[in-house]
Amino acid sequence: MGRTYRELIAWQKAMKLVTEIYVATHDFPRLELYGLTSQLRRAAVSVPSNIAEGQARFSHKKFHHFLSQARGSLVEIETQVLIAKELKYLSSAKADSLLGQADELGRILNGLLAAVKNRVA
C-alpha cells in the first residue's frame, strides 16, 4: 500500500474514469440531467472517493469496506453505461471504451481487495 491514496494505481485509474464519464455524459439529453447523467457521474465520483477515504482510515478492515463500496459503485457504472448504450446516448465504441476502463479498474480493485483482506486475516 502507498503512503497516500494518490499513489494507488486504483485511485489514479478511477480518477481517469471520472473524467471520461463526465466527458461522455456532457452531450446526454437535457431530460437526463437529473436521471442517468447524474447517476453515472455520482457513481463515477464515488469510486475514487471511497478508495481515498478507505486508505485514509489507517485500518485494513475499514479500507477493505471502502474498497468494497468502490467496487459496488464500479458495477453501477458498468450497468449505467450499458443502459446509455441501449438508449443510444453513447456510441458502441465509447461505451466499449468506458466498459474496458471499468473492467481494468475492477481487476485492480479485486487485487487490492484480496491484498487488504489478507492483512485483515
C-alpha atoms as a PDB file:
ATOM      1  CA  MET A   1       0.000   0.000   0.000  1.00  0.00           C
ATOM      2  CA  GLY A   2       1.197   3.508  -0.772  1.00  0.00           C
ATOM      3  CA  ARG A   3       1.654   6.194   1.785  1.00  0.00           C
ATOM      4  CA  THR A   4      -1.166   8.236   0.297  1.00  0.00           C
ATOM      5  CA  TYR A   5      -4.234   7.329  -1.700  1.00  0.00           C
ATOM      6  CA  ARG A   6      -2.832   9.314  -4.648  1.00  0.00           C
ATOM      7  CA  GLU A   7      -0.086   6.712  -5.021  1.00  0.00           C
ATOM      8  CA  LEU A   8      -2.610   3.902  -5.517  1.00  0.00           C
ATOM      9  CA  ILE A   9      -2.985   2.799  -9.143  1.00  0.00           C
ATOM     10  CA  ALA A  10      -6.655   2.041  -8.428  1.00  0.00           C
ATOM     11  CA  TRP A  11      -7.275   5.651  -7.380  1.00  0.00           C
ATOM     12  CA  GLN A  12      -5.374   7.020 -10.398  1.00  0.00           C
ATOM     13  CA  LYS A  13      -7.366   4.841 -12.826  1.00  0.00           C
ATOM     14  CA  ALA A  14     -10.608   5.745 -11.049  1.00  0.00           C
ATOM     15  CA  MET A  15      -9.838   9.461 -11.433  1.00  0.00           C
ATOM     16  CA  LYS A  16      -9.284   8.955 -15.164  1.00  0.00           C
ATOM     17  CA  LEU A  17     -12.616   7.125 -15.395  1.00  0.00           C
ATOM     18  CA  VAL A  18     -14.391  10.035 -13.667  1.00  0.00           C
ATOM     19  CA  THR A  19     -13.062  12.429 -16.289  1.00  0.00           C
ATOM     20  CA  GLU A  20     -14.104  10.104 -19.108  1.00  0.00           C
ATOM     21  CA  ILE A  21     -17.613   9.719 -17.639  1.00  0.00           C
ATOM     22  CA  TYR A  22     -18.045  13.493 -17.326  1.00  0.00           C
ATOM     23  CA  VAL A  23     -16.958  13.999 -20.926  1.00  0.00           C
ATOM     24  CA  ALA A  24     -19.155  11.139 -22.176  1.00  0.00           C
ATOM     25  CA  THR A  25     -22.258  12.412 -20.367  1.00  0.00           C
ATOM     26  CA  HIS A  26     -21.811  16.035 -21.436  1.00  0.00           C
ATOM     27  CA  ASP A  27     -23.981  15.542 -24.512  1.00  0.00           C
ATOM     28  CA  PHE A  28     -26.646  13.341 -22.933  1.00  0.00           C
ATOM     29  CA  PRO A  29     -30.178  14.682 -23.484  1.00  0.00           C
ATOM     30  CA  ARG A  30     -31.143  17.529 -21.177  1.00  0.00           C
ATOM     31  CA  LEU A  31     -34.050  15.478 -19.835  1.00  0.00           C
ATOM     32  CA  GLU A  32     -31.470  13.063 -18.374  1.00  0.00           C
ATOM     33  CA  LEU A  33     -29.701  15.751 -16.347  1.00  0.00           C
ATOM     34  CA  TYR A  34     -31.290  14.546 -13.095  1.00  0.00           C
ATOM     35  CA  GLY A  35     -31.535  10.953 -14.253  1.00  0.00           C
ATOM     36  CA  LEU A  36     -28.879   8.893 -15.952  1.00  0.00           C
ATOM     37  CA  THR A  37     -26.353  11.751 -16.258  1.00  0.00           C
ATOM     38  CA  SER A  38     -26.466  12.449 -12.541  1.00  0.00           C
ATOM     39  CA  GLN A  39     -26.466   8.751 -11.590  1.00  0.00           C
ATOM     40  CA  LEU A  40     -23.442   7.970 -13.764  1.00  0.00           C
ATOM     41  CA  ARG A  41     -21.481  10.955 -12.520  1.00  0.00           C
ATOM     42  CA  ARG A  42     -22.242  10.249  -8.860  1.00  0.00           C
ATOM     43  CA  ALA A  43     -21.247   6.599  -9.216  1.00  0.00           C
ATOM     44  CA  ALA A  44     -18.044   7.612 -11.004  1.00  0.00           C
ATOM     45  CA  VAL A  45     -17.082  10.145  -8.327  1.00  0.00           C
ATOM     46  CA  SER A  46     -17.848   7.576  -5.644  1.00  0.00           C
ATOM     47  CA  VAL A  47     -15.157   5.149  -6.815  1.00  0.00           C
ATOM     48  CA  PRO A  48     -12.010   7.256  -6.203  1.00  0.00           C
ATOM     49  CA  SER A  49     -13.669   8.930  -3.209  1.00  0.00           C
ATOM     50  CA  ASN A  50     -14.193   5.587  -1.473  1.00  0.00           C
ATOM     51  CA  ILE A  51     -10.677   4.431  -2.316  1.00  0.00           C
ATOM     52  CA  ALA A  52      -9.256   7.634  -0.816  1.00  0.00           C
ATOM     53  CA  GLU A  53     -11.446   7.566   2.273  1.00  0.00           C
ATOM     54  CA  GLY A  54     -10.695   3.928   2.959  1.00  0.00           C
ATOM     55  CA  GLN A  55      -6.946   4.362   2.612  1.00  0.00           C
ATOM     56  CA  ALA A  56      -7.065   7.359   4.961  1.00  0.00           C
ATOM     57  CA  ARG A  57      -8.709   5.317   7.735  1.00  0.00           C
ATOM     58  CA  PHE A  58      -5.443   3.550   8.671  1.00  0.00           C
ATOM     59  CA  SER A  59      -7.350   0.329   9.312  1.00  0.00           C
ATOM     60  CA  HIS A  60      -7.165  -2.623   6.942  1.00  0.00           C
ATOM     61  CA  LYS A  61     -10.685  -3.692   7.890  1.00  0.00           C
ATOM     62  CA  LYS A  62     -12.128  -0.256   7.105  1.00  0.00           C
ATOM     63  CA  PHE A  63     -10.035   0.039   3.941  1.00  0.00           C
ATOM     64  CA  HIS A  64     -11.488  -3.286   2.779  1.00  0.00           C
ATOM     65  CA  HIS A  65     -15.007  -1.981   3.482  1.00  0.00           C
ATOM     66  CA  PHE A  66     -14.465   1.189   1.453  1.00  0.00           C
ATOM     67  CA  LEU A  67     -12.838  -0.744  -1.395  1.00  0.00           C
ATOM     68  CA  SER A  68     -15.939  -2.932  -1.461  1.00  0.00           C
ATOM     69  CA  GLN A  69     -18.057   0.213  -1.706  1.00  0.00           C
ATOM     70  CA  ALA A  70     -15.901   1.421  -4.599  1.00  0.00           C
ATOM     71  CA  ARG A  71     -16.357  -1.939  -6.333  1.00  0.00           C
ATOM     72  CA  GLY A  72     -20.127  -1.608  -5.917  1.00  0.00           C
ATOM     73  CA  SER A  73     -20.084   1.839  -7.493  1.00  0.00           C
ATOM     74  CA  LEU A  74     -17.995   0.493 -10.344  1.00  0.00           C
ATOM     75  CA  VAL A  75     -20.603  -2.121 -11.256  1.00  0.00           C
ATOM     76  CA  GLU A  76     -23.227   0.634 -11.116  1.00  0.00           C
ATOM     77  CA  ILE A  77     -21.166   2.492 -13.724  1.00  0.00           C
ATOM     78  CA  GLU A  78     -20.976  -0.600 -15.910  1.00  0.00           C
ATOM     79  CA  THR A  79     -24.740  -1.093 -15.740  1.00  0.00           C
ATOM     80  CA  GLN A  80     -25.489   2.559 -16.427  1.00  0.00           C
ATOM     81  CA  VAL A  81     -23.087   2.666 -19.385  1.00  0.00           C
ATOM     82  CA  LEU A  82     -24.910  -0.335 -20.856  1.00  0.00           C
ATOM     83  CA  ILE A  83     -28.235   1.467 -20.350  1.00  0.00           C
ATOM     84  CA  ALA A  84     -26.856   4.598 -22.028  1.00  0.00           C
ATOM     85  CA  LYS A  85     -25.633   2.471 -24.927  1.00  0.00           C
ATOM     86  CA  GLU A  86     -29.078   0.845 -25.304  1.00  0.00           C
ATOM     87  CA  LEU A  87     -30.719   4.279 -25.301  1.00  0.00           C
ATOM     88  CA  LYS A  88     -28.197   5.414 -27.945  1.00  0.00           C
ATOM     89  CA  TYR A  89     -26.843   8.143 -25.672  1.00  0.00           C
ATOM     90  CA  LEU A  90     -23.393   6.571 -26.113  1.00  0.00           C
ATOM     91  CA  SER A  91     -21.903   5.102 -29.255  1.00  0.00           C
ATOM     92  CA  SER A  92     -20.895   1.457 -29.107  1.00  0.00           C
ATOM     93  CA  ALA A  93     -17.253   2.491 -29.364  1.00  0.00           C
ATOM     94  CA  LYS A  94     -17.483   4.953 -26.457  1.00  0.00           C
ATOM     95  CA  ALA A  95     -19.447   2.512 -24.304  1.00  0.00           C
ATOM     96  CA  ASP A  96     -16.931  -0.244 -25.037  1.00  0.00           C
ATOM     97  CA  SER A  97     -14.069   2.076 -24.123  1.00  0.00           C
ATOM     98  CA  LEU A  98     -15.687   3.000 -20.798  1.00  0.00           C
ATOM     99  CA  LEU A  99     -16.516  -0.637 -20.069  1.00  0.00           C
ATOM    100  CA  GLY A 100     -12.915  -1.597 -20.830  1.00  0.00           C
ATOM    101  CA  GLN A 101     -11.629   1.011 -18.383  1.00  0.00           C
ATOM    102  CA  ALA A 102     -14.139  -0.165 -15.775  1.00  0.00           C
ATOM    103  CA  ASP A 103     -13.098  -3.781 -16.322  1.00  0.00           C
ATOM    104  CA  GLU A 104      -9.425  -2.934 -15.862  1.00  0.00           C
ATOM    105  CA  LEU A 105     -10.196  -0.933 -12.729  1.00  0.00           C
ATOM    106  CA  GLY A 106     -12.325  -3.791 -11.428  1.00  0.00           C
ATOM    107  CA  ARG A 107      -9.414  -6.220 -11.768  1.00  0.00           C
ATOM    108  CA  ILE A 108      -7.130  -3.771  -9.941  1.00  0.00           C
ATOM    109  CA  LEU A 109      -9.701  -3.294  -7.177  1.00  0.00           C
ATOM    110  CA  ASN A 110     -10.164  -7.058  -6.843  1.00  0.00           C
ATOM    111  CA  GLY A 111      -6.415  -7.470  -6.406  1.00  0.00           C
ATOM    112  CA  LEU A 112      -6.282  -4.680  -3.857  1.00  0.00           C
ATOM    113  CA  LEU A 113      -9.273  -6.143  -2.006  1.00  0.00           C
ATOM    114  CA  ALA A 114      -7.530  -9.532  -1.843  1.00  0.00           C
ATOM    115  CA  ALA A 115      -4.282  -7.964  -0.586  1.00  0.00           C
ATOM    116  CA  VAL A 116      -6.067  -5.970   2.100  1.00  0.00           C
ATOM    117  CA  LYS A 117      -8.194  -8.972   3.120  1.00  0.00           C
ATOM    118  CA  ASN A 118      -5.018 -10.994   3.699  1.00  0.00           C
ATOM    119  CA  ARG A 119      -3.767  -8.286   6.047  1.00  0.00           C
ATOM    120  CA  VAL A 120      -7.048  -8.304   7.960  1.00  0.00           C
ATOM    121  CA  ALA A 121      -6.901 -12.081   8.451  1.00  0.00           C
END
